Protein backbone atom coordinates (compact mmCIF):
# COMPACT_ATOMS: atom_id res chain seq x y z
CA MET A 1 -96.67 59.99 -70.03
CA PHE A 2 -94.64 60.27 -73.63
CA ALA A 3 -94.13 63.60 -75.16
CA PRO A 4 -95.85 63.40 -78.56
CA ARG A 5 -92.48 63.57 -81.43
CA THR A 6 -92.79 66.51 -83.88
CA ALA A 7 -91.79 65.95 -87.55
CA PRO A 8 -88.92 67.80 -88.23
CA TRP A 9 -90.73 70.02 -91.23
CA PRO A 10 -88.15 72.21 -92.18
CA LEU A 11 -85.56 69.07 -93.06
CA VAL A 12 -88.46 67.30 -94.73
CA ALA A 13 -88.86 70.41 -96.96
CA LEU A 14 -85.25 70.96 -97.76
CA PHE A 15 -84.90 67.25 -98.45
CA THR A 16 -87.61 67.68 -100.79
CA ALA A 17 -85.90 71.17 -102.20
CA GLY A 18 -82.96 68.80 -103.03
CA TYR A 19 -84.42 65.70 -103.84
CA LEU A 20 -86.98 67.25 -106.97
CA ALA A 21 -84.81 67.33 -109.35
CA PRO A 22 -83.62 63.90 -109.77
CA TYR A 23 -87.34 62.98 -109.26
CA LEU A 24 -87.89 64.93 -112.20
CA LEU A 25 -85.23 64.05 -114.34
CA PRO A 26 -87.97 61.84 -116.98
CA THR A 27 -89.59 64.94 -118.20
CA THR A 28 -86.41 67.62 -117.68
CA VAL A 29 -84.32 65.07 -120.22
CA GLY A 30 -87.16 65.17 -122.37
CA ARG A 31 -88.46 68.45 -122.63
CA LEU A 32 -84.81 69.17 -123.19
CA GLU A 33 -84.39 67.27 -125.83
CA ARG A 34 -87.78 68.38 -127.60
CA GLY A 35 -87.54 71.83 -126.60
CA LEU A 36 -84.15 72.89 -127.56
CA ALA A 37 -83.58 70.53 -130.65
CA LEU A 38 -80.86 67.88 -128.54
CA SER A 39 -79.96 64.91 -129.30
CA ALA A 40 -81.12 62.34 -126.91
CA THR A 41 -77.20 61.92 -125.69
CA GLN A 42 -77.00 65.50 -125.20
CA ALA A 43 -79.92 65.79 -123.44
CA GLY A 44 -78.51 63.24 -121.35
CA ALA A 45 -75.64 64.78 -120.97
CA VAL A 46 -77.37 67.98 -119.42
CA GLY A 47 -79.10 65.76 -116.68
CA SER A 48 -75.92 63.99 -116.19
CA LEU A 49 -73.95 67.66 -115.65
CA LEU A 50 -76.71 68.79 -113.38
CA LEU A 51 -76.74 65.55 -111.07
CA LEU A 52 -72.94 65.52 -111.28
CA SER A 53 -72.61 69.22 -109.93
CA SER A 54 -75.40 67.74 -107.16
CA ALA A 55 -73.15 64.92 -106.17
CA THR A 56 -69.91 67.50 -105.93
CA ALA A 57 -72.02 69.75 -103.82
CA GLY A 58 -72.41 66.90 -101.22
CA PHE A 59 -68.62 65.92 -101.65
CA LEU A 60 -67.09 69.10 -100.75
CA LEU A 61 -69.79 70.78 -98.11
CA ALA A 62 -69.68 67.20 -96.08
CA SER A 63 -67.56 67.82 -93.53
CA HIS A 64 -68.85 72.00 -93.63
CA VAL A 65 -72.14 71.77 -92.61
CA GLU A 66 -72.33 72.28 -88.90
CA ARG A 67 -69.27 74.47 -88.90
CA THR A 68 -70.91 76.43 -91.29
CA GLY A 69 -73.92 76.74 -90.10
CA PRO A 70 -76.91 74.72 -91.81
CA ARG A 71 -79.17 78.06 -91.77
CA THR A 72 -76.33 79.34 -93.62
CA LEU A 73 -75.53 76.71 -96.50
CA ALA A 74 -79.24 75.83 -96.49
CA ARG A 75 -80.22 79.73 -97.67
CA LEU A 76 -77.25 79.47 -99.90
CA GLY A 77 -78.54 76.39 -102.14
CA LEU A 78 -81.73 76.81 -102.20
CA LEU A 79 -80.48 80.63 -103.64
CA LEU A 80 -78.17 78.89 -106.19
CA ALA A 81 -81.51 76.51 -107.22
CA ALA A 82 -83.63 79.22 -107.74
CA VAL A 83 -80.85 81.20 -109.68
CA GLY A 84 -79.70 78.67 -111.61
CA TYR A 85 -82.92 76.51 -112.55
CA GLY A 86 -84.77 79.74 -113.12
CA GLY A 87 -82.67 81.62 -115.05
CA ALA A 88 -82.27 77.74 -117.14
CA ALA A 89 -85.98 77.78 -117.69
CA LEU A 90 -86.31 81.53 -118.92
CA THR A 91 -83.64 80.94 -121.84
CA THR A 92 -83.60 78.92 -124.56
CA ALA A 93 -79.42 79.56 -125.49
CA VAL A 94 -77.99 75.90 -124.81
CA PRO A 95 -74.83 77.45 -122.98
CA ALA A 96 -76.89 79.17 -120.81
CA VAL A 97 -79.51 76.38 -119.98
CA VAL A 98 -76.37 73.83 -119.39
CA ALA A 99 -75.05 76.72 -116.90
CA GLY A 100 -78.01 77.12 -115.32
CA ALA A 101 -78.36 73.50 -114.55
CA VAL A 102 -74.58 73.14 -113.28
CA ILE A 103 -75.58 76.13 -111.02
CA GLY A 104 -79.06 74.66 -110.02
CA GLY A 105 -77.77 71.65 -109.21
CA PHE A 106 -75.16 72.55 -106.86
CA GLY A 107 -77.48 74.47 -105.34
CA SER A 108 -80.13 71.12 -104.95
CA GLY A 109 -76.71 69.26 -103.58
CA THR A 110 -76.10 72.03 -101.20
CA ALA A 111 -79.85 71.64 -99.79
CA THR A 112 -79.67 67.96 -99.71
CA THR A 113 -76.15 67.67 -98.09
CA VAL A 114 -77.73 70.07 -95.06
CA ALA A 115 -80.67 67.76 -94.95
CA ALA A 116 -79.01 64.44 -94.66
CA THR A 117 -76.69 65.69 -92.22
CA ARG A 118 -79.08 67.20 -89.92
CA ILE A 119 -81.41 64.14 -90.25
CA ALA A 120 -78.18 61.64 -89.59
CA ALA A 121 -78.60 63.41 -86.09
CA GLU A 122 -82.36 62.94 -85.39
CA LYS A 123 -83.63 60.97 -83.03
CA ASP A 124 -85.41 58.51 -85.49
CA PRO A 125 -83.50 59.51 -88.92
CA HIS A 126 -85.55 56.55 -90.60
CA ARG A 127 -88.87 58.26 -90.04
CA ALA A 128 -87.56 62.04 -91.19
CA SER A 129 -86.42 60.48 -94.25
CA THR A 130 -89.38 58.72 -95.09
CA LEU A 131 -91.27 61.94 -94.75
CA GLY A 132 -88.63 63.64 -97.15
CA LEU A 133 -89.46 60.45 -99.80
CA LEU A 134 -93.34 61.03 -99.11
CA SER A 135 -93.17 64.63 -99.58
CA VAL A 136 -90.73 65.17 -102.68
CA SER A 137 -92.58 61.67 -104.70
CA ALA A 138 -96.23 63.97 -104.10
CA LEU A 139 -94.86 66.79 -105.26
CA ALA A 140 -93.20 65.34 -108.19
CA GLY A 141 -96.50 63.35 -108.84
CA ALA A 142 -98.40 66.97 -108.77
CA VAL A 143 -95.37 67.97 -111.66
CA TYR A 144 -96.15 64.97 -113.79
CA LEU A 145 -99.66 65.71 -113.98
CA THR A 146 -99.04 69.44 -115.39
CA VAL A 147 -96.29 69.74 -117.06
CA PRO A 148 -97.34 67.16 -120.07
CA HIS A 149 -100.10 69.94 -120.84
CA LEU A 150 -97.99 72.68 -121.03
CA PRO A 151 -95.66 73.83 -123.60
CA GLY A 152 -91.86 74.70 -123.01
CA HIS A 153 -88.65 73.24 -122.36
CA GLY A 154 -88.31 74.79 -119.08
CA LEU A 155 -91.21 74.11 -116.95
CA THR A 156 -89.93 71.26 -114.55
CA LEU A 157 -86.58 73.37 -114.32
CA ALA A 158 -89.19 76.33 -113.19
CA ALA A 159 -91.30 73.74 -110.62
CA ILE A 160 -87.54 73.33 -109.07
CA ALA A 161 -87.05 76.61 -108.52
CA LEU A 162 -90.00 77.88 -107.31
CA THR A 163 -89.99 74.82 -104.94
CA ALA A 164 -86.57 76.10 -103.38
CA LEU A 165 -87.94 79.85 -103.15
CA ALA A 166 -91.12 78.35 -101.24
CA VAL A 167 -88.36 76.37 -98.96
CA TRP A 168 -86.34 79.47 -97.61
CA PRO A 169 -88.79 80.64 -95.27
CA LEU A 170 -88.82 77.68 -92.99
CA THR A 171 -84.74 77.82 -93.05
CA SER A 172 -85.17 80.22 -89.94
CA ARG A 173 -86.19 77.53 -87.88
CA LEU A 174 -82.41 75.81 -88.47
CA PRO A 175 -79.20 76.32 -86.28
CA GLY A 176 -77.88 79.12 -87.41
CA GLY A 177 -73.66 77.39 -86.48
CA THR A 178 -72.17 75.46 -83.72
CA ALA A 179 -73.35 77.50 -80.84
CA GLY A 180 -75.72 74.55 -79.44
CA PRO A 181 -75.37 70.54 -79.86
CA LEU A 182 -75.88 68.35 -82.26
CA PRO A 183 -79.34 66.66 -81.34
CA THR A 184 -77.12 63.66 -80.42
CA GLU A 185 -74.87 65.18 -78.54
CA PRO A 186 -75.32 64.10 -75.05
CA GLY A 187 -74.39 66.89 -72.48
CA GLY A 188 -73.67 69.66 -75.13
CA THR A 189 -70.20 68.76 -76.22
CA GLY A 190 -70.97 71.12 -78.40
CA GLY A 191 -69.34 70.18 -81.82
CA THR A 192 -66.52 67.42 -83.21
CA ASP A 193 -66.70 64.61 -80.53
CA PRO A 194 -70.64 63.81 -79.60
CA TYR A 195 -69.80 60.67 -77.69
CA GLY A 196 -66.81 62.43 -75.70
CA THR A 197 -64.29 59.46 -77.07
CA GLY A 198 -61.64 62.03 -77.81
CA THR A 199 -61.47 61.15 -81.24
CA ASP A 200 -63.21 62.47 -84.81
CA ARG A 201 -62.20 59.98 -87.08
CA LEU A 202 -64.78 58.47 -89.21
CA PRO A 203 -66.17 55.38 -88.10
CA HIS A 204 -66.86 52.26 -90.08
CA ARG A 205 -64.67 53.31 -92.68
CA ARG A 206 -64.46 49.68 -94.71
CA SER A 207 -68.50 49.25 -94.05
CA GLY A 208 -69.15 53.17 -95.11
CA MET A 209 -67.01 52.86 -98.42
CA VAL A 210 -68.46 49.38 -99.67
CA LEU A 211 -71.75 50.98 -99.19
CA ALA A 212 -70.87 54.31 -101.02
CA GLY A 213 -69.66 52.24 -103.65
CA ALA A 214 -72.37 49.92 -103.95
CA MET A 215 -74.52 52.65 -103.85
CA LEU A 216 -72.72 54.42 -106.78
CA LEU A 217 -73.90 51.70 -109.09
CA TRP A 218 -76.66 50.98 -107.56
CA SER A 219 -78.01 54.37 -108.69
CA MET A 220 -76.53 54.56 -111.76
CA ALA A 221 -78.73 51.79 -112.96
CA GLN A 222 -81.93 53.07 -111.38
CA ASN A 223 -81.30 56.77 -112.73
CA ALA A 224 -79.97 54.75 -116.21
CA LEU A 225 -83.61 53.39 -116.75
CA TRP A 226 -85.30 56.87 -115.35
CA GLY A 227 -83.20 58.63 -117.48
CA VAL A 228 -85.04 57.25 -121.12
CA SER A 229 -88.05 56.00 -119.15
CA GLY A 230 -89.95 58.74 -120.96
CA ARG A 231 -88.81 57.35 -124.34
CA ILE A 232 -89.94 54.14 -123.59
CA GLY A 233 -92.92 54.83 -123.17
CA VAL A 234 -93.18 57.27 -126.50
CA ASP A 235 -91.37 55.60 -128.68
CA GLN A 236 -91.15 51.86 -127.83
CA ALA A 237 -94.70 51.59 -126.29
CA HIS A 238 -96.19 53.87 -128.57
CA LEU A 239 -98.09 56.66 -125.88
CA SER A 240 -98.64 59.78 -126.06
CA GLU A 241 -96.72 61.99 -123.68
CA PRO A 242 -99.74 62.84 -121.76
CA THR A 243 -100.14 59.17 -121.26
CA VAL A 244 -96.33 58.96 -120.19
CA GLY A 245 -97.23 61.46 -117.39
CA VAL A 246 -100.17 59.82 -116.23
CA VAL A 247 -97.91 56.61 -115.64
CA PHE A 248 -95.26 58.33 -114.23
CA ALA A 249 -97.83 60.32 -111.84
CA LEU A 250 -99.26 56.99 -110.79
CA ALA A 251 -95.99 55.37 -110.71
CA LEU A 252 -94.50 58.20 -108.14
CA GLY A 253 -98.32 57.67 -105.53
CA ALA A 254 -97.43 54.01 -105.77
CA GLY A 255 -93.85 55.18 -104.34
CA LEU A 256 -96.01 57.05 -101.46
CA LEU A 257 -97.61 53.89 -100.50
CA GLY A 258 -94.62 51.85 -100.68
CA VAL A 259 -92.89 54.66 -98.41
CA LEU A 260 -95.99 54.71 -95.73
CA GLY A 261 -95.25 50.75 -96.00
CA ALA A 262 -91.51 50.78 -94.98
CA GLY A 263 -92.30 53.29 -92.13
CA ALA A 264 -94.85 51.62 -90.92
CA LEU A 265 -92.71 48.05 -90.97
CA GLY A 266 -89.74 50.15 -89.73
CA SER A 267 -87.08 47.96 -88.67
CA ARG A 268 -89.23 45.14 -87.51
CA LEU A 269 -87.26 42.70 -90.18
CA GLY A 270 -83.63 44.82 -90.41
CA ARG A 271 -82.21 46.35 -92.79
CA ALA A 272 -80.79 43.30 -94.53
CA LEU A 273 -83.74 42.08 -96.05
CA PRO A 274 -85.71 44.85 -97.27
CA ILE A 275 -82.11 45.48 -98.96
CA GLY A 276 -80.92 42.66 -100.64
CA GLY A 277 -84.50 41.37 -101.26
CA GLY A 278 -85.97 44.88 -102.44
CA THR A 279 -83.07 44.77 -105.01
CA VAL A 280 -83.56 41.99 -106.52
CA VAL A 281 -87.46 42.93 -106.87
CA ILE A 282 -85.92 46.61 -108.78
CA ALA A 283 -84.20 44.50 -111.08
CA GLY A 284 -86.94 42.31 -112.58
CA CYS A 285 -89.42 45.57 -112.39
CA ILE A 286 -86.42 47.39 -114.14
CA ALA A 287 -86.36 44.46 -117.00
CA LEU A 288 -89.93 44.31 -117.51
CA SER A 289 -89.98 48.06 -117.83
CA ALA A 290 -87.29 48.06 -120.23
CA SER A 291 -89.04 45.50 -122.27
CA ALA A 292 -92.58 47.42 -122.63
CA ASP A 293 -94.43 46.98 -125.93
CA GLY A 294 -97.53 48.67 -125.05
CA LEU A 295 -99.37 50.49 -121.52
CA GLY A 296 -99.91 47.60 -119.75
CA SER A 297 -96.45 45.97 -119.81
CA PHE A 298 -94.83 50.05 -119.59
CA ALA A 299 -97.00 50.68 -116.39
CA SER A 300 -97.12 47.46 -114.59
CA GLY A 301 -93.16 47.94 -114.60
CA GLU A 302 -92.72 51.75 -114.24
CA ILE A 303 -95.83 51.60 -111.69
CA ALA A 304 -93.80 48.30 -109.43
CA TRP A 305 -90.71 49.85 -109.92
CA ASN A 306 -91.71 53.10 -108.37
CA THR A 307 -93.29 51.03 -105.12
CA PHE A 308 -89.79 49.34 -104.33
CA TYR A 309 -87.60 51.83 -105.34
CA PRO A 310 -87.81 54.33 -102.41
CA VAL A 311 -88.75 51.37 -99.89
CA VAL A 312 -85.27 50.39 -100.77
CA LEU A 313 -83.84 53.55 -100.81
CA SER A 314 -85.30 54.24 -97.47
CA TYR A 315 -83.56 51.66 -95.71
CA LEU A 316 -80.12 52.55 -97.73
CA ILE A 317 -80.41 56.29 -96.16
CA GLY A 318 -81.14 54.72 -92.45
CA LEU A 319 -78.31 52.10 -92.88
CA ALA A 320 -75.86 55.17 -94.15
CA ALA A 321 -77.09 57.01 -91.23
CA SER A 322 -76.61 54.45 -89.05
CA LEU A 323 -72.63 54.59 -89.35
CA ASP A 324 -72.20 58.05 -88.14
CA PRO A 325 -74.35 60.28 -85.84
CA LYS A 326 -72.43 63.19 -87.00
CA GLY A 327 -74.15 62.16 -91.01
CA ARG A 328 -70.89 62.66 -92.25
CA TRP A 329 -71.27 59.00 -94.04
CA ALA A 330 -74.97 59.67 -94.79
CA VAL A 331 -74.25 62.85 -96.48
CA LEU A 332 -70.67 60.91 -98.29
CA VAL A 333 -72.77 57.86 -99.38
CA GLY A 334 -75.21 60.55 -100.73
CA SER A 335 -72.74 61.93 -102.77
CA ALA A 336 -71.49 58.55 -104.25
CA SER A 337 -74.92 57.72 -104.99
CA ALA A 338 -75.68 61.26 -106.84
CA LEU A 339 -72.57 60.21 -108.61
CA GLY A 340 -74.20 57.58 -109.95
CA THR A 341 -77.51 59.04 -110.22
CA ALA A 342 -75.28 61.85 -112.83
CA ALA A 343 -74.10 59.16 -114.57
CA GLY A 344 -77.55 57.33 -115.11
CA PRO A 345 -79.18 59.48 -117.71
CA ILE A 346 -75.81 59.18 -120.04
CA THR A 347 -75.12 55.78 -119.21
CA GLY A 348 -79.02 54.90 -120.25
CA SER A 349 -78.68 56.93 -123.59
CA VAL A 350 -75.80 55.20 -124.49
CA LEU A 351 -76.81 52.09 -123.82
CA SER A 352 -80.12 52.12 -125.35
CA ALA A 353 -78.53 53.61 -128.61
CA LEU A 354 -76.21 50.86 -128.61
CA ALA A 355 -78.19 47.77 -128.06
CA GLY A 356 -81.83 49.06 -128.00
CA PHE A 357 -83.86 49.28 -124.58
CA PRO A 358 -84.76 45.70 -124.08
CA VAL A 359 -80.75 44.85 -123.60
CA MET A 360 -80.18 47.87 -121.97
CA GLY A 361 -82.84 46.46 -119.17
CA THR A 362 -81.25 43.53 -118.96
CA VAL A 363 -77.76 44.73 -118.69
CA LEU A 364 -79.05 46.67 -116.19
CA ALA A 365 -80.91 44.13 -113.62
CA LEU A 366 -77.97 42.07 -113.65
CA GLY A 367 -75.81 44.92 -112.49
CA LEU A 368 -78.34 45.21 -109.39
CA LEU A 369 -78.25 41.51 -108.83
CA LEU A 370 -74.33 41.79 -108.49
CA VAL A 371 -74.29 45.28 -106.42
CA ALA A 372 -77.39 43.35 -103.95
CA VAL A 373 -74.34 41.01 -102.07
CA PRO A 374 -72.48 44.07 -100.78
CA MET A 375 -74.79 46.13 -99.95
CA THR A 376 -76.75 42.95 -98.17
CA GLY A 377 -73.30 42.47 -96.43
CA VAL A 378 -72.80 46.01 -95.06
CA ALA A 379 -76.28 45.62 -93.59
CA LEU A 380 -75.99 42.19 -92.64
CA HIS A 381 -72.27 43.46 -90.70
CA THR A 382 -73.63 46.76 -88.68
CA GLY A 383 -77.16 45.91 -88.51
CA GLY A 384 -76.54 44.07 -84.45
CA ARG A 385 -79.78 45.67 -82.65
CA PRO A 386 -78.28 47.84 -79.78
CA LEU A 387 -80.25 47.27 -76.58
CA LEU A 388 -81.95 50.33 -74.70
CA PRO A 389 -80.24 52.32 -72.25
CA GLY A 390 -79.88 50.79 -69.32
CA ALA A 391 -80.72 47.15 -70.21
CA VAL A 392 -78.73 44.15 -68.79
CA ARG A 393 -78.90 40.36 -69.62
CA ARG A 394 -78.42 37.79 -66.72
CA ARG A 395 -75.63 35.73 -67.27
CA GLY A 396 -77.25 31.60 -67.43
CA GLY A 397 -80.96 33.26 -68.01
CA HIS A 398 -83.38 35.28 -70.14
CA ALA A 399 -82.73 38.38 -71.60
CA ALA A 400 -83.86 41.01 -69.49
CA ALA A 401 -83.96 43.68 -71.64
CA LEU A 402 -85.78 44.86 -74.90
CA VAL A 403 -84.31 45.08 -78.17
CA ALA A 404 -84.54 48.22 -79.87
CA ALA A 405 -87.34 48.20 -82.83
CA THR A 406 -86.39 51.63 -84.27
CA THR A 407 -83.85 52.58 -86.86
CA GLY A 408 -82.89 55.66 -84.27
CA THR A 409 -82.23 53.69 -81.86
CA PRO A 410 -78.60 55.97 -80.63
CA THR A 411 -75.62 54.19 -80.31
CA GLY A 412 -72.25 54.68 -79.38
CA PRO A 413 -72.60 54.29 -75.54
CA VAL A 414 -74.90 51.70 -75.83
CA PRO A 415 -73.58 48.89 -75.52
CA GLU A 416 -74.53 46.30 -78.45
CA VAL A 417 -75.71 42.81 -78.62
CA GLY A 418 -73.02 40.14 -77.23
CA ALA A 419 -70.78 43.03 -76.19
CA PRO A 420 -69.07 42.11 -72.79
CA GLU A 421 -70.72 41.98 -69.69
CA GLN A 422 -69.71 44.63 -67.46
CA PRO A 423 -68.18 43.42 -64.28
CA VAL A 424 -69.87 44.10 -60.46
CA VAL A 425 -67.72 45.62 -58.41
CA GLU A 426 -68.40 45.89 -54.64
CA ILE A 427 -68.29 49.16 -53.50
CA PRO A 428 -67.58 49.46 -49.51
CA LEU A 429 -69.59 52.05 -47.54
CA ASP A 430 -67.52 53.28 -45.10
CA GLY A 431 -68.88 54.43 -41.43
CA THR A 432 -72.15 51.84 -41.70
CA PRO A 433 -71.79 49.68 -38.59
CA ALA A 434 -71.72 45.75 -39.44
CA ALA A 435 -75.01 43.97 -38.15
CA ALA A 436 -74.18 41.45 -35.08
CA ARG A 437 -74.99 37.86 -35.89
CA GLY A 438 -76.81 37.77 -33.01
CA ALA A 439 -79.50 40.50 -34.05
CA TYR A 440 -80.91 37.71 -36.36
CA ASP A 441 -82.99 34.73 -35.62
CA THR A 442 -83.89 31.58 -37.70
CA ALA A 443 -86.29 32.02 -40.23
CA ALA A 444 -89.90 31.62 -39.51
CA ALA A 445 -90.62 28.75 -41.70
CA THR A 446 -88.25 26.69 -39.62
CA ARG A 447 -90.22 26.99 -36.09
CA ALA A 448 -93.42 25.27 -35.24
CA PRO A 449 -96.73 26.80 -36.11
CA GLY A 450 -97.27 29.37 -33.08
CA ALA A 451 -94.21 29.38 -31.36
CA MET A 452 -92.90 32.53 -29.74
């Protein structure tokens, strides 16, 4: 009998609160532009500052989650998010809005850092991140259906603040400090070295650095388009704001289906194909969406793009989590991604202002095709599937073990495919009398039938 797997709902909720700000970026930037009489570049810069503050929190707190305590840091992040976004939503003074966005962004980054660290320590990080993406996509879709029908510049900011307050009670189920071991620590080593290797060095440094750099550019390309998608729909495709909101809600709904598909698929195709192939498809979707001149092309590009984006993102999160069971690469790669996300709105605004939306889309698509190469390389290099614990392969025979099929299969003490076999050592047992040769007779098959 196997115990049913329980979903890590506090982590899913924290993930949702941290990721909601980037998901609502297009309507946040658009509302700031129209509600505060800012230029497109100025509004994009405010969005970039928000996301840059979020990335800064990740870099500063990546190694302090377990030491300070996940519950303490999560509550601090949610408090900053509620105060920052809430304050920005209640004022029309541009300096106060900018300050609130920066404070709220740091809170979002703190919540995301705690969620990423704890998710990486789960037995199945891909499942936990998939549930988080489902949750944030559903919530953002509901906001996109509601906000366009209401006035005011701060409605999306208020939605993020209220989400932070709603998640606060769930933080009581998070650990308070380093008194208990991480879920992946066998035997409860209690802190710095989950596998008892005697070292706390960051593993897979080269792969992690390549993945972090690629994720920065990957996220920048995604959010360069996402930050100006509202303007493409209104200015180039000549759609109304409520219609654009419906398209975004449908796109995020399609993203839910994509995440469900990724969760059902698991690691049957490995990570390299979904990451590399999915990024190529996303590049085509971005080029289509940026060149849209009507409802059909705009909706097709946005819906197809948002279907594949969370799928690839879920595999990238799982890949980063697999590089270090303590979650440090998950946080650092996530923070690099947040830096790219922060640079996205201003990049999209500048490129579209200089060359127009179609040229911007072409440039972003070409950049994604280039970035797909190193990300796929990291997935291939670090994607060797480990054998299940206790599995063996006999020399000269068929495999006598199943290959792990889930993303969250523990690594570390489990030998990888192709690893040298452990030598068989004979262990003498003292005190056991040796059997006399005369005690054994010949095999029955060598005697005549019925012979005694």
